[in-house]
Amino acid sequence: MSQEHLGEALGLTFQQVQKYERGANRISASRLFDLARVLDVPVTFFYEEMDEETMAASPRHMVRATVDPPDAAEALMAQRETLELVRAYYRIVDPEVRKQVHELAKALGPVLTKP
């Protein structure tokens, strides 16, 4: 997607998109959310592979955290692989085929996790 098309989808000029991309301007949380929606990715996509130094500079690490960390199920749902799998599943048009894929995944889960 070009910067111009992205800008149009966000209601911005392509110059503003360039500034965000270069880091010349900070991006607000709401704009980041909009960007994730337009690009069809979870917001967490922008934080994957963040280096330890950047994570350590987070204000959350500077004060006692008041929010419990996400549980395993929430963390699983935030992974890109999970999102891609769900999207692929719902692109299956035939409900019977979709049901069979679901049954196959359920059947393979225990088989693949056995030691």
PDB file of N, CA and C in Angstrom:
ATOM      1  N   MET A   1       0.856  -1.168   0.000  1.00  0.00           N
ATOM      2  CA  MET A   1       0.000   0.000   0.000  1.00  0.00           C
ATOM      3  C   MET A   1       0.906   1.237   0.000  1.00  0.00           C
ATOM      4  N   SER A   2       0.599   2.182  -0.850  1.00  0.00           N
ATOM      5  CA  SER A   2       1.413   3.391  -0.927  1.00  0.00           C
ATOM      6  C   SER A   2       1.109   4.322   0.250  1.00  0.00           C
ATOM      7  N   GLN A   3       2.037   5.235   0.502  1.00  0.00           N
ATOM      8  CA  GLN A   3       1.819   6.223   1.564  1.00  0.00           C
ATOM      9  C   GLN A   3       0.609   7.090   1.232  1.00  0.00           C
ATOM     10  N   GLU A   4       0.417   7.354  -0.033  1.00  0.00           N
ATOM     11  CA  GLU A   4      -0.722   8.177  -0.446  1.00  0.00           C
ATOM     12  C   GLU A   4      -2.042   7.465  -0.142  1.00  0.00           C
ATOM     13  N   HIS A   5      -2.132   6.176  -0.500  1.00  0.00           N
ATOM     14  CA  HIS A   5      -3.359   5.416  -0.226  1.00  0.00           C
ATOM     15  C   HIS A   5      -3.582   5.259   1.277  1.00  0.00           C
ATOM     16  N   LEU A   6      -2.508   5.026   2.007  1.00  0.00           N
ATOM     17  CA  LEU A   6      -2.619   4.900   3.457  1.00  0.00           C
ATOM     18  C   LEU A   6      -3.104   6.215   4.058  1.00  0.00           C
ATOM     19  N   GLY A   7      -2.536   7.316   3.588  1.00  0.00           N
ATOM     20  CA  GLY A   7      -2.966   8.628   4.060  1.00  0.00           C
ATOM     21  C   GLY A   7      -4.441   8.877   3.795  1.00  0.00           C
ATOM     22  N   GLU A   8      -4.892   8.515   2.599  1.00  0.00           N
ATOM     23  CA  GLU A   8      -6.312   8.682   2.262  1.00  0.00           C
ATOM     24  C   GLU A   8      -7.198   7.866   3.194  1.00  0.00           C
ATOM     25  N   ALA A   9      -6.781   6.635   3.466  1.00  0.00           N
ATOM     26  CA  ALA A   9      -7.580   5.764   4.337  1.00  0.00           C
ATOM     27  C   ALA A   9      -7.639   6.295   5.763  1.00  0.00           C
ATOM     28  N   LEU A  10      -6.586   7.012   6.171  1.00  0.00           N
ATOM     29  CA  LEU A  10      -6.526   7.556   7.531  1.00  0.00           C
ATOM     30  C   LEU A  10      -7.009   8.997   7.612  1.00  0.00           C
ATOM     31  N   GLY A  11      -7.260   9.609   6.454  1.00  0.00           N
ATOM     32  CA  GLY A  11      -7.658  11.015   6.446  1.00  0.00           C
ATOM     33  C   GLY A  11      -6.471  11.942   6.667  1.00  0.00           C
ATOM     34  N   LEU A  12      -5.307  11.527   6.174  1.00  0.00           N
ATOM     35  CA  LEU A  12      -4.073  12.298   6.332  1.00  0.00           C
ATOM     36  C   LEU A  12      -3.437  12.538   4.971  1.00  0.00           C
ATOM     37  N   THR A  13      -2.475  13.446   4.942  1.00  0.00           N
ATOM     38  CA  THR A  13      -1.678  13.622   3.737  1.00  0.00           C
ATOM     39  C   THR A  13      -0.579  12.565   3.728  1.00  0.00           C
ATOM     40  N   PHE A  14      -0.043  12.277   2.539  1.00  0.00           N
ATOM     41  CA  PHE A  14       1.040  11.306   2.486  1.00  0.00           C
ATOM     42  C   PHE A  14       2.279  11.844   3.199  1.00  0.00           C
ATOM     43  N   GLN A  15       2.407  13.184   3.270  1.00  0.00           N
ATOM     44  CA  GLN A  15       3.538  13.766   3.992  1.00  0.00           C
ATOM     45  C   GLN A  15       3.470  13.426   5.482  1.00  0.00           C
ATOM     46  N   GLN A  16       2.263  13.447   6.045  1.00  0.00           N
ATOM     47  CA  GLN A  16       2.106  13.104   7.461  1.00  0.00           C
ATOM     48  C   GLN A  16       2.442  11.632   7.680  1.00  0.00           C
ATOM     49  N   VAL A  17       2.025  10.787   6.753  1.00  0.00           N
ATOM     50  CA  VAL A  17       2.360   9.361   6.845  1.00  0.00           C
ATOM     51  C   VAL A  17       3.877   9.197   6.818  1.00  0.00           C
ATOM     52  N   GLN A  18       4.558   9.953   5.954  1.00  0.00           N
ATOM     53  CA  GLN A  18       6.022   9.901   5.889  1.00  0.00           C
ATOM     54  C   GLN A  18       6.642  10.311   7.223  1.00  0.00           C
ATOM     55  N   LYS A  19       6.097  11.341   7.842  1.00  0.00           N
ATOM     56  CA  LYS A  19       6.625  11.802   9.129  1.00  0.00           C
ATOM     57  C   LYS A  19       6.469  10.732  10.198  1.00  0.00           C
ATOM     58  N   TYR A  20       5.326  10.048  10.205  1.00  0.00           N
ATOM     59  CA  TYR A  20       5.133   8.942  11.149  1.00  0.00           C
ATOM     60  C   TYR A  20       6.139   7.833  10.872  1.00  0.00           C
ATOM     61  N   GLU A  21       6.301   7.503   9.601  1.00  0.00           N
ATOM     62  CA  GLU A  21       7.182   6.402   9.216  1.00  0.00           C
ATOM     63  C   GLU A  21       8.636   6.692   9.586  1.00  0.00           C
ATOM     64  N   ARG A  22       9.074   7.923   9.397  1.00  0.00           N
ATOM     65  CA  ARG A  22      10.447   8.302   9.731  1.00  0.00           C
ATOM     66  C   ARG A  22      10.652   8.533  11.218  1.00  0.00           C
ATOM     67  N   GLY A  23       9.552   8.681  11.958  1.00  0.00           N
ATOM     68  CA  GLY A  23       9.662   8.976  13.380  1.00  0.00           C
ATOM     69  C   GLY A  23       9.816  10.456  13.661  1.00  0.00           C
ATOM     70  N   ALA A  24       9.564  11.296  12.655  1.00  0.00           N
ATOM     71  CA  ALA A  24       9.664  12.741  12.844  1.00  0.00           C
ATOM     72  C   ALA A  24       8.525  13.250  13.722  1.00  0.00           C
ATOM     73  N   ASN A  25       7.370  12.610  13.647  1.00  0.00           N
ATOM     74  CA  ASN A  25       6.219  12.949  14.489  1.00  0.00           C
ATOM     75  C   ASN A  25       5.818  11.715  15.285  1.00  0.00           C
ATOM     76  N   ARG A  26       5.384  11.953  16.510  1.00  0.00           N
ATOM     77  CA  ARG A  26       4.863  10.849  17.315  1.00  0.00           C
ATOM     78  C   ARG A  26       3.448  10.538  16.859  1.00  0.00           C
ATOM     79  N   ILE A  27       3.078   9.279  17.024  1.00  0.00           N
ATOM     80  CA  ILE A  27       1.742   8.862  16.618  1.00  0.00           C
ATOM     81  C   ILE A  27       0.914   8.609  17.876  1.00  0.00           C
ATOM     82  N   SER A  28      -0.280   9.142  17.903  1.00  0.00           N
ATOM     83  CA  SER A  28      -1.143   8.976  19.076  1.00  0.00           C
ATOM     84  C   SER A  28      -1.692   7.554  19.127  1.00  0.00           C
ATOM     85  N   ALA A  29      -2.169   7.176  20.289  1.00  0.00           N
ATOM     86  CA  ALA A  29      -2.736   5.836  20.459  1.00  0.00           C
ATOM     87  C   ALA A  29      -3.936   5.636  19.541  1.00  0.00           C
ATOM     88  N   SER A  30      -4.774   6.649  19.429  1.00  0.00           N
ATOM     89  CA  SER A  30      -5.961   6.502  18.576  1.00  0.00           C
ATOM     90  C   SER A  30      -5.576   6.395  17.105  1.00  0.00           C
ATOM     91  N   ARG A  31      -4.558   7.133  16.696  1.00  0.00           N
ATOM     92  CA  ARG A  31      -4.102   7.059  15.301  1.00  0.00           C
ATOM     93  C   ARG A  31      -3.447   5.697  15.035  1.00  0.00           C
ATOM     94  N   LEU A  32      -2.711   5.181  16.022  1.00  0.00           N
ATOM     95  CA  LEU A  32      -2.102   3.859  15.883  1.00  0.00           C
ATOM     96  C   LEU A  32      -3.187   2.792  15.748  1.00  0.00           C
ATOM     97  N   PHE A  33      -4.255   2.956  16.521  1.00  0.00           N
ATOM     98  CA  PHE A  33      -5.392   2.035  16.421  1.00  0.00           C
ATOM     99  C   PHE A  33      -5.995   2.098  15.020  1.00  0.00           C
ATOM    100  N   ASP A  34      -6.207   3.319  14.506  1.00  0.00           N
ATOM    101  CA  ASP A  34      -6.749   3.485  13.150  1.00  0.00           C
ATOM    102  C   ASP A  34      -5.827   2.844  12.116  1.00  0.00           C
ATOM    103  N   LEU A  35      -4.536   3.049  12.282  1.00  0.00           N
ATOM    104  CA  LEU A  35      -3.552   2.489  11.361  1.00  0.00           C
ATOM    105  C   LEU A  35      -3.622   0.962  11.359  1.00  0.00           C
ATOM    106  N   ALA A  36      -3.732   0.383  12.540  1.00  0.00           N
ATOM    107  CA  ALA A  36      -3.842  -1.074  12.641  1.00  0.00           C
ATOM    108  C   ALA A  36      -5.097  -1.567  11.924  1.00  0.00           C
ATOM    109  N   ARG A  37      -6.192  -0.852  12.072  1.00  0.00           N
ATOM    110  CA  ARG A  37      -7.453  -1.257  11.425  1.00  0.00           C
ATOM    111  C   ARG A  37      -7.313  -1.194   9.899  1.00  0.00           C
ATOM    112  N   VAL A  38      -6.716  -0.117   9.396  1.00  0.00           N
ATOM    113  CA  VAL A  38      -6.555   0.041   7.945  1.00  0.00           C
ATOM    114  C   VAL A  38      -5.638  -1.050   7.384  1.00  0.00           C
ATOM    115  N   LEU A  39      -4.573  -1.365   8.118  1.00  0.00           N
ATOM    116  CA  LEU A  39      -3.624  -2.378   7.651  1.00  0.00           C
ATOM    117  C   LEU A  39      -4.070  -3.798   7.988  1.00  0.00           C
ATOM    118  N   ASP A  40      -5.168  -3.905   8.727  1.00  0.00           N
ATOM    119  CA  ASP A  40      -5.738  -5.206   9.094  1.00  0.00           C
ATOM    120  C   ASP A  40      -4.750  -6.050   9.898  1.00  0.00           C
ATOM    121  N   VAL A  41      -4.142  -5.411  10.898  1.00  0.00           N
ATOM    122  CA  VAL A  41      -3.239  -6.098  11.821  1.00  0.00           C
ATOM    123  C   VAL A  41      -3.621  -5.697  13.242  1.00  0.00           C
ATOM    124  N   PRO A  42      -3.254  -6.511  14.235  1.00  0.00           N
ATOM    125  CA  PRO A  42      -3.514  -6.100  15.617  1.00  0.00           C
ATOM    126  C   PRO A  42      -2.552  -4.976  16.005  1.00  0.00           C
ATOM    127  N   VAL A  43      -2.929  -4.151  16.943  1.00  0.00           N
ATOM    128  CA  VAL A  43      -2.060  -3.055  17.392  1.00  0.00           C
ATOM    129  C   VAL A  43      -0.722  -3.607  17.875  1.00  0.00           C
ATOM    130  N   THR A  44      -0.736  -4.794  18.457  1.00  0.00           N
ATOM    131  CA  THR A  44       0.506  -5.394  18.957  1.00  0.00           C
ATOM    132  C   THR A  44       1.516  -5.652  17.845  1.00  0.00           C
ATOM    133  N   PHE A  45       1.065  -5.676  16.602  1.00  0.00           N
ATOM    134  CA  PHE A  45       1.966  -5.865  15.462  1.00  0.00           C
ATOM    135  C   PHE A  45       3.097  -4.834  15.488  1.00  0.00           C
ATOM    136  N   PHE A  46       2.790  -3.617  15.904  1.00  0.00           N
ATOM    137  CA  PHE A  46       3.775  -2.538  15.882  1.00  0.00           C
ATOM    138  C   PHE A  46       4.808  -2.655  17.000  1.00  0.00           C
ATOM    139  N   TYR A  47       4.573  -3.560  17.930  1.00  0.00           N
ATOM    140  CA  TYR A  47       5.475  -3.710  19.066  1.00  0.00           C
ATOM    141  C   TYR A  47       6.250  -5.015  19.046  1.00  0.00           C
ATOM    142  N   GLU A  48       5.989  -5.862  18.063  1.00  0.00           N
ATOM    143  CA  GLU A  48       6.716  -7.119  17.977  1.00  0.00           C
ATOM    144  C   GLU A  48       8.183  -6.823  17.713  1.00  0.00           C
ATOM    145  N   GLU A  49       9.022  -7.629  18.318  1.00  0.00           N
ATOM    146  CA  GLU A  49      10.471  -7.517  18.167  1.00  0.00           C
ATOM    147  C   GLU A  49      11.015  -6.185  18.678  1.00  0.00           C
ATOM    148  N   MET A  50      10.333  -5.579  19.649  1.00  0.00           N
ATOM    149  CA  MET A  50      10.834  -4.351  20.256  1.00  0.00           C
ATOM    150  C   MET A  50      12.056  -4.712  21.100  1.00  0.00           C
ATOM    151  N   ASP A  51      13.120  -3.934  20.981  1.00  0.00           N
ATOM    152  CA  ASP A  51      14.337  -4.280  21.705  1.00  0.00           C
ATOM    153  C   ASP A  51      14.177  -4.043  23.207  1.00  0.00           C
ATOM    154  N   GLU A  52      15.021  -4.714  23.990  1.00  0.00           N
ATOM    155  CA  GLU A  52      14.936  -4.672  25.450  1.00  0.00           C
ATOM    156  C   GLU A  52      15.132  -3.255  25.995  1.00  0.00           C
ATOM    157  N   GLU A  53      16.009  -2.487  25.379  1.00  0.00           N
ATOM    158  CA  GLU A  53      16.279  -1.122  25.847  1.00  0.00           C
ATOM    159  C   GLU A  53      15.029  -0.249  25.739  1.00  0.00           C
ATOM    160  N   THR A  54      14.320  -0.366  24.637  1.00  0.00           N
ATOM    161  CA  THR A  54      13.092   0.404  24.442  1.00  0.00           C
ATOM    162  C   THR A  54      12.026  -0.033  25.433  1.00  0.00           C
ATOM    163  N   MET A  55      11.886  -1.348  25.626  1.00  0.00           N
ATOM    164  CA  MET A  55      10.890  -1.847  26.576  1.00  0.00           C
ATOM    165  C   MET A  55      11.218  -1.390  27.996  1.00  0.00           C
ATOM    166  N   ALA A  56      12.498  -1.366  28.344  1.00  0.00           N
ATOM    167  CA  ALA A  56      12.901  -0.961  29.688  1.00  0.00           C
ATOM    168  C   ALA A  56      12.616   0.517  29.936  1.00  0.00           C
ATOM    169  N   ALA A  57      12.561   1.318  28.877  1.00  0.00           N
ATOM    170  CA  ALA A  57      12.303   2.750  29.019  1.00  0.00           C
ATOM    171  C   ALA A  57      10.821   3.060  29.191  1.00  0.00           C
ATOM    172  N   SER A  58       9.978   2.057  29.109  1.00  0.00           N
ATOM    173  CA  SER A  58       8.539   2.253  29.255  1.00  0.00           C
ATOM    174  C   SER A  58       8.210   2.747  30.656  1.00  0.00           C
ATOM    175  N   PRO A  59       7.332   3.735  30.785  1.00  0.00           N
ATOM    176  CA  PRO A  59       6.934   4.212  32.112  1.00  0.00           C
ATOM    177  C   PRO A  59       6.356   3.103  32.984  1.00  0.00           C
ATOM    178  N   ARG A  60       5.791   2.091  32.366  1.00  0.00           N
ATOM    179  CA  ARG A  60       5.227   0.974  33.119  1.00  0.00           C
ATOM    180  C   ARG A  60       6.305   0.290  33.955  1.00  0.00           C
ATOM    181  N   HIS A  61       7.528   0.267  33.452  1.00  0.00           N
ATOM    182  CA  HIS A  61       8.616  -0.377  34.179  1.00  0.00           C
ATOM    183  C   HIS A  61       9.215   0.546  35.239  1.00  0.00           C
ATOM    184  N   MET A  62       8.902   1.818  35.168  1.00  0.00           N
ATOM    185  CA  MET A  62       9.466   2.784  36.107  1.00  0.00           C
ATOM    186  C   MET A  62       8.624   2.926  37.368  1.00  0.00           C
ATOM    187  N   VAL A  63       7.378   2.523  37.312  1.00  0.00           N
ATOM    188  CA  VAL A  63       6.496   2.566  38.477  1.00  0.00           C
ATOM    189  C   VAL A  63       5.882   1.194  38.659  1.00  0.00           C
ATOM    190  N   ARG A  64       5.361   0.950  39.837  1.00  0.00           N
ATOM    191  CA  ARG A  64       4.745  -0.351  40.101  1.00  0.00           C
ATOM    192  C   ARG A  64       3.529  -0.521  39.193  1.00  0.00           C
ATOM    193  N   ALA A  65       3.468  -1.620  38.484  1.00  0.00           N
ATOM    194  CA  ALA A  65       2.344  -1.881  37.581  1.00  0.00           C
ATOM    195  C   ALA A  65       1.070  -2.067  38.393  1.00  0.00           C
ATOM    196  N   THR A  66      -0.002  -1.419  37.954  1.00  0.00           N
ATOM    197  CA  THR A  66      -1.274  -1.523  38.667  1.00  0.00           C
ATOM    198  C   THR A  66      -2.253  -2.429  37.937  1.00  0.00           C
ATOM    199  N   VAL A  67      -1.857  -2.890  36.766  1.00  0.00           N
ATOM    200  CA  VAL A  67      -2.722  -3.752  35.981  1.00  0.00           C
ATOM    201  C   VAL A  67      -2.073  -5.126  35.888  1.00  0.00           C
ATOM    202  N   ASP A  68      -2.869  -6.147  36.096  1.00  0.00           N
ATOM    203  CA  ASP A  68      -2.347  -7.500  35.980  1.00  0.00           C
ATOM    204  C   ASP A  68      -1.919  -7.764  34.544  1.00  0.00           C
ATOM    205  N   PRO A  69      -0.834  -8.516  34.363  1.00  0.00           N
ATOM    206  CA  PRO A  69      -0.431  -8.851  32.995  1.00  0.00           C
ATOM    207  C   PRO A  69      -1.494  -9.739  32.349  1.00  0.00           C
ATOM    208  N   PRO A  70      -1.544  -9.740  31.032  1.00  0.00           N
ATOM    209  CA  PRO A  70      -2.561 -10.551  30.366  1.00  0.00           C
ATOM    210  C   PRO A  70      -2.358 -12.026  30.666  1.00  0.00           C
ATOM    211  N   ASP A  71      -3.455 -12.747  30.765  1.00  0.00           N
ATOM    212  CA  ASP A  71      -3.327 -14.181  30.995  1.00  0.00           C
ATOM    213  C   ASP A  71      -2.925 -14.862  29.689  1.00  0.00           C
ATOM    214  N   ALA A  72      -2.661 -16.148  29.770  1.00  0.00           N
ATOM    215  CA  ALA A  72      -2.168 -16.890  28.611  1.00  0.00           C
ATOM    216  C   ALA A  72      -3.136 -16.825  27.433  1.00  0.00           C
ATOM    217  N   ALA A  73      -4.443 -16.891  27.709  1.00  0.00           N
ATOM    218  CA  ALA A  73      -5.431 -16.849  26.623  1.00  0.00           C
ATOM    219  C   ALA A  73      -5.405 -15.498  25.914  1.00  0.00           C
ATOM    220  N   GLU A  74      -5.297 -14.411  26.676  1.00  0.00           N
ATOM    221  CA  GLU A  74      -5.232 -13.081  26.062  1.00  0.00           C
ATOM    222  C   GLU A  74      -3.971 -12.941  25.232  1.00  0.00           C
ATOM    223  N   ALA A  75      -2.847 -13.425  25.765  1.00  0.00           N
ATOM    224  CA  ALA A  75      -1.584 -13.339  25.039  1.00  0.00           C
ATOM    225  C   ALA A  75      -1.660 -14.135  23.734  1.00  0.00           C
ATOM    226  N   LEU A  76      -2.280 -15.297  23.793  1.00  0.00           N
ATOM    227  CA  LEU A  76      -2.424 -16.128  22.602  1.00  0.00           C
ATOM    228  C   LEU A  76      -3.247 -15.411  21.533  1.00  0.00           C
ATOM    229  N   MET A  77      -4.313 -14.740  21.945  1.00  0.00           N
ATOM    230  CA  MET A  77      -5.177 -14.053  20.990  1.00  0.00           C
ATOM    231  C   MET A  77      -4.508 -12.829  20.375  1.00  0.00           C
ATOM    232  N   ALA A  78      -3.453 -12.328  20.995  1.00  0.00           N
ATOM    233  CA  ALA A  78      -2.765 -11.150  20.474  1.00  0.00           C
ATOM    234  C   ALA A  78      -1.655 -11.518  19.490  1.00  0.00           C
ATOM    235  N   GLN A  79      -1.355 -12.797  19.353  1.00  0.00           N
ATOM    236  CA  GLN A  79      -0.286 -13.209  18.452  1.00  0.00           C
ATOM    237  C   GLN A  79      -0.732 -13.115  16.995  1.00  0.00           C
ATOM    238  N   ARG A  80       0.186 -12.712  16.150  1.00  0.00           N
ATOM    239  CA  ARG A  80      -0.099 -12.568  14.724  1.00  0.00           C
ATOM    240  C   ARG A  80      -0.538 -13.901  14.115  1.00  0.00           C
ATOM    241  N   GLU A  81       0.117 -14.989  14.512  1.00  0.00           N
ATOM    242  CA  GLU A  81      -0.221 -16.303  13.967  1.00  0.00           C
ATOM    243  C   GLU A  81      -1.683 -16.659  14.241  1.00  0.00           C
ATOM    244  N   THR A  82      -2.149 -16.348  15.443  1.00  0.00           N
ATOM    245  CA  THR A  82      -3.542 -16.632  15.797  1.00  0.00           C
ATOM    246  C   THR A  82      -4.487 -15.841  14.905  1.00  0.00           C
ATOM    247  N   LEU A  83      -4.186 -14.566  14.738  1.00  0.00           N
ATOM    248  CA  LEU A  83      -5.024 -13.707  13.902  1.00  0.00           C
ATOM    249  C   LEU A  83      -5.055 -14.203  12.458  1.00  0.00           C
ATOM    250  N   GLU A  84      -3.885 -14.575  11.926  1.00  0.00           N
ATOM    251  CA  GLU A  84      -3.831 -15.070  10.552  1.00  0.00           C
ATOM    252  C   GLU A  84      -4.628 -16.363  10.402  1.00  0.00           C
ATOM    253  N   LEU A  85      -4.525 -17.238  11.399  1.00  0.00           N
ATOM    254  CA  LEU A  85      -5.260 -18.503  11.355  1.00  0.00           C
ATOM    255  C   LEU A  85      -6.772 -18.262  11.370  1.00  0.00           C
ATOM    256  N   VAL A  86      -7.216 -17.369  12.227  1.00  0.00           N
ATOM    257  CA  VAL A  86      -8.650 -17.068  12.314  1.00  0.00           C
ATOM    258  C   VAL A  86      -9.144 -16.451  11.008  1.00  0.00           C
ATOM    259  N   ARG A  87      -8.366 -15.546  10.442  1.00  0.00           N
ATOM    260  CA  ARG A  87      -8.776 -14.928   9.172  1.00  0.00           C
ATOM    261  C   ARG A  87      -8.867 -15.972   8.061  1.00  0.00           C
ATOM    262  N   ALA A  88      -7.866 -16.849   7.991  1.00  0.00           N
ATOM    263  CA  ALA A  88      -7.874 -17.892   6.963  1.00  0.00           C
ATOM    264  C   ALA A  88      -9.080 -18.806   7.148  1.00  0.00           C
ATOM    265  N   TYR A  89      -9.370 -19.141   8.387  1.00  0.00           N
ATOM    266  CA  TYR A  89     -10.507 -20.013   8.693  1.00  0.00           C
ATOM    267  C   TYR A  89     -11.812 -19.386   8.198  1.00  0.00           C
ATOM    268  N   TYR A  90     -12.007 -18.117   8.470  1.00  0.00           N
ATOM    269  CA  TYR A  90     -13.260 -17.475   8.076  1.00  0.00           C
ATOM    270  C   TYR A  90     -13.321 -17.129   6.591  1.00  0.00           C
ATOM    271  N   ARG A  91     -12.211 -17.274   5.879  1.00  0.00           N
ATOM    272  CA  ARG A  91     -12.253 -17.109   4.423  1.00  0.00           C
ATOM    273  C   ARG A  91     -12.776 -18.370   3.736  1.00  0.00           C
ATOM    274  N   ILE A  92     -12.860 -19.471   4.488  1.00  0.00           N
ATOM    275  CA  ILE A  92     -13.432 -20.699   3.933  1.00  0.00           C
ATOM    276  C   ILE A  92     -14.936 -20.462   3.800  1.00  0.00           C
ATOM    277  N   VAL A  93     -15.412 -20.438   2.578  1.00  0.00           N
ATOM    278  CA  VAL A  93     -16.799 -20.062   2.306  1.00  0.00           C
ATOM    279  C   VAL A  93     -17.786 -21.169   2.676  1.00  0.00           C
ATOM    280  N   ASP A  94     -17.439 -22.396   2.363  1.00  0.00           N
ATOM    281  CA  ASP A  94     -18.346 -23.523   2.592  1.00  0.00           C
ATOM    282  C   ASP A  94     -18.385 -23.872   4.080  1.00  0.00           C
ATOM    283  N   PRO A  95     -19.547 -23.744   4.731  1.00  0.00           N
ATOM    284  CA  PRO A  95     -19.639 -24.018   6.170  1.00  0.00           C
ATOM    285  C   PRO A  95     -19.267 -25.455   6.538  1.00  0.00           C
ATOM    286  N   GLU A  96     -19.553 -26.397   5.656  1.00  0.00           N
ATOM    287  CA  GLU A  96     -19.213 -27.799   5.942  1.00  0.00           C
ATOM    288  C   GLU A  96     -17.694 -27.997   5.922  1.00  0.00           C
ATOM    289  N   VAL A  97     -17.030 -27.387   4.963  1.00  0.00           N
ATOM    290  CA  VAL A  97     -15.568 -27.475   4.900  1.00  0.00           C
ATOM    291  C   VAL A  97     -14.966 -26.797   6.122  1.00  0.00           C
ATOM    292  N   ARG A  98     -15.509 -25.637   6.484  1.00  0.00           N
ATOM    293  CA  ARG A  98     -15.014 -24.920   7.662  1.00  0.00           C
ATOM    294  C   ARG A  98     -15.162 -25.794   8.908  1.00  0.00           C
ATOM    295  N   LYS A  99     -16.283 -26.483   9.036  1.00  0.00           N
ATOM    296  CA  LYS A  99     -16.506 -27.370  10.179  1.00  0.00           C
ATOM    297  C   LYS A  99     -15.481 -28.504  10.187  1.00  0.00           C
ATOM    298  N   GLN A 100     -15.181 -29.058   9.007  1.00  0.00           N
ATOM    299  CA  GLN A 100     -14.202 -30.139   8.914  1.00  0.00           C
ATOM    300  C   GLN A 100     -12.802 -29.658   9.295  1.00  0.00           C
ATOM    301  N   VAL A 101     -12.448 -28.447   8.885  1.00  0.00           N
ATOM    302  CA  VAL A 101     -11.152 -27.875   9.266  1.00  0.00           C
ATOM    303  C   VAL A 101     -11.092 -27.710  10.781  1.00  0.00           C
ATOM    304  N   HIS A 102     -12.175 -27.253  11.367  1.00  0.00           N
ATOM    305  CA  HIS A 102     -12.247 -27.088  12.820  1.00  0.00           C
ATOM    306  C   HIS A 102     -12.052 -28.432  13.518  1.00  0.00           C
ATOM    307  N   GLU A 103     -12.741 -29.457  13.047  1.00  0.00           N
ATOM    308  CA  GLU A 103     -12.621 -30.796  13.637  1.00  0.00           C
ATOM    309  C   GLU A 103     -11.202 -31.339  13.471  1.00  0.00           C
ATOM    310  N   LEU A 104     -10.589 -31.093  12.318  1.00  0.00           N
ATOM    311  CA  LEU A 104      -9.217 -31.532  12.076  1.00  0.00           C
ATOM    312  C   LEU A 104      -8.256 -30.867  13.057  1.00  0.00           C
ATOM    313  N   ALA A 105      -8.401 -29.565  13.243  1.00  0.00           N
ATOM    314  CA  ALA A 105      -7.532 -28.839  14.175  1.00  0.00           C
ATOM    315  C   ALA A 105      -7.695 -29.371  15.591  1.00  0.00           C
ATOM    316  N   LYS A 106      -8.927 -29.636  15.992  1.00  0.00           N
ATOM    317  CA  LYS A 106      -9.167 -30.186  17.335  1.00  0.00           C
ATOM    318  C   LYS A 106      -8.538 -31.569  17.475  1.00  0.00           C
ATOM    319  N   ALA A 107      -8.618 -32.380  16.429  1.00  0.00           N
ATOM    320  CA  ALA A 107      -8.060 -33.729  16.479  1.00  0.00           C
ATOM    321  C   ALA A 107      -6.534 -33.710  16.490  1.00  0.00           C
ATOM    322  N   LEU A 108      -5.925 -32.784  15.761  1.00  0.00           N
ATOM    323  CA  LEU A 108      -4.464 -32.724  15.689  1.00  0.00           C
ATOM    324  C   LEU A 108      -3.826 -32.137  16.940  1.00  0.00           C
ATOM    325  N   GLY A 109      -4.525 -31.266  17.633  1.00  0.00           N
ATOM    326  CA  GLY A 109      -3.964 -30.620  18.821  1.00  0.00           C
ATOM    327  C   GLY A 109      -3.363 -31.596  19.808  1.00  0.00           C
ATOM    328  N   PRO A 110      -4.122 -32.559  20.312  1.00  0.00           N
ATOM    329  CA  PRO A 110      -3.569 -33.513  21.282  1.00  0.00           C
ATOM    330  C   PRO A 110      -2.458 -34.382  20.695  1.00  0.00           C
ATOM    331  N   VAL A 111      -2.573 -34.739  19.429  1.00  0.00           N
ATOM    332  CA  VAL A 111      -1.562 -35.588  18.790  1.00  0.00           C
ATOM    333  C   VAL A 111      -0.222 -34.871  18.746  1.00  0.00           C
ATOM    334  N   LEU A 112      -0.237 -33.595  18.409  1.00  0.00           N
ATOM    335  CA  LEU A 112       1.003 -32.841  18.257  1.00  0.00           C
ATOM    336  C   LEU A 112       1.614 -32.427  19.584  1.00  0.00           C
ATOM    337  N   THR A 113       0.861 -32.450  20.670  1.00  0.00           N
ATOM    338  CA  THR A 113       1.408 -32.034  21.963  1.00  0.00           C
ATOM    339  C   THR A 113       1.860 -33.205  22.819  1.00  0.00           C
ATOM    340  N   LYS A 114       1.653 -34.436  22.366  1.00  0.00           N
ATOM    341  CA  LYS A 114       2.105 -35.607  23.128  1.00  0.00           C
ATOM    342  C   LYS A 114       3.625 -35.687  23.073  1.00  0.00           C
ATOM    343  N   PRO A 115       4.257 -36.081  24.210  1.00  0.00           N
ATOM    344  CA  PRO A 115       5.731 -36.180  24.223  1.00  0.00           C
ATOM    345  C   PRO A 115       6.247 -37.323  23.391  1.00  0.00           C
TER     346      PRO A 115
END
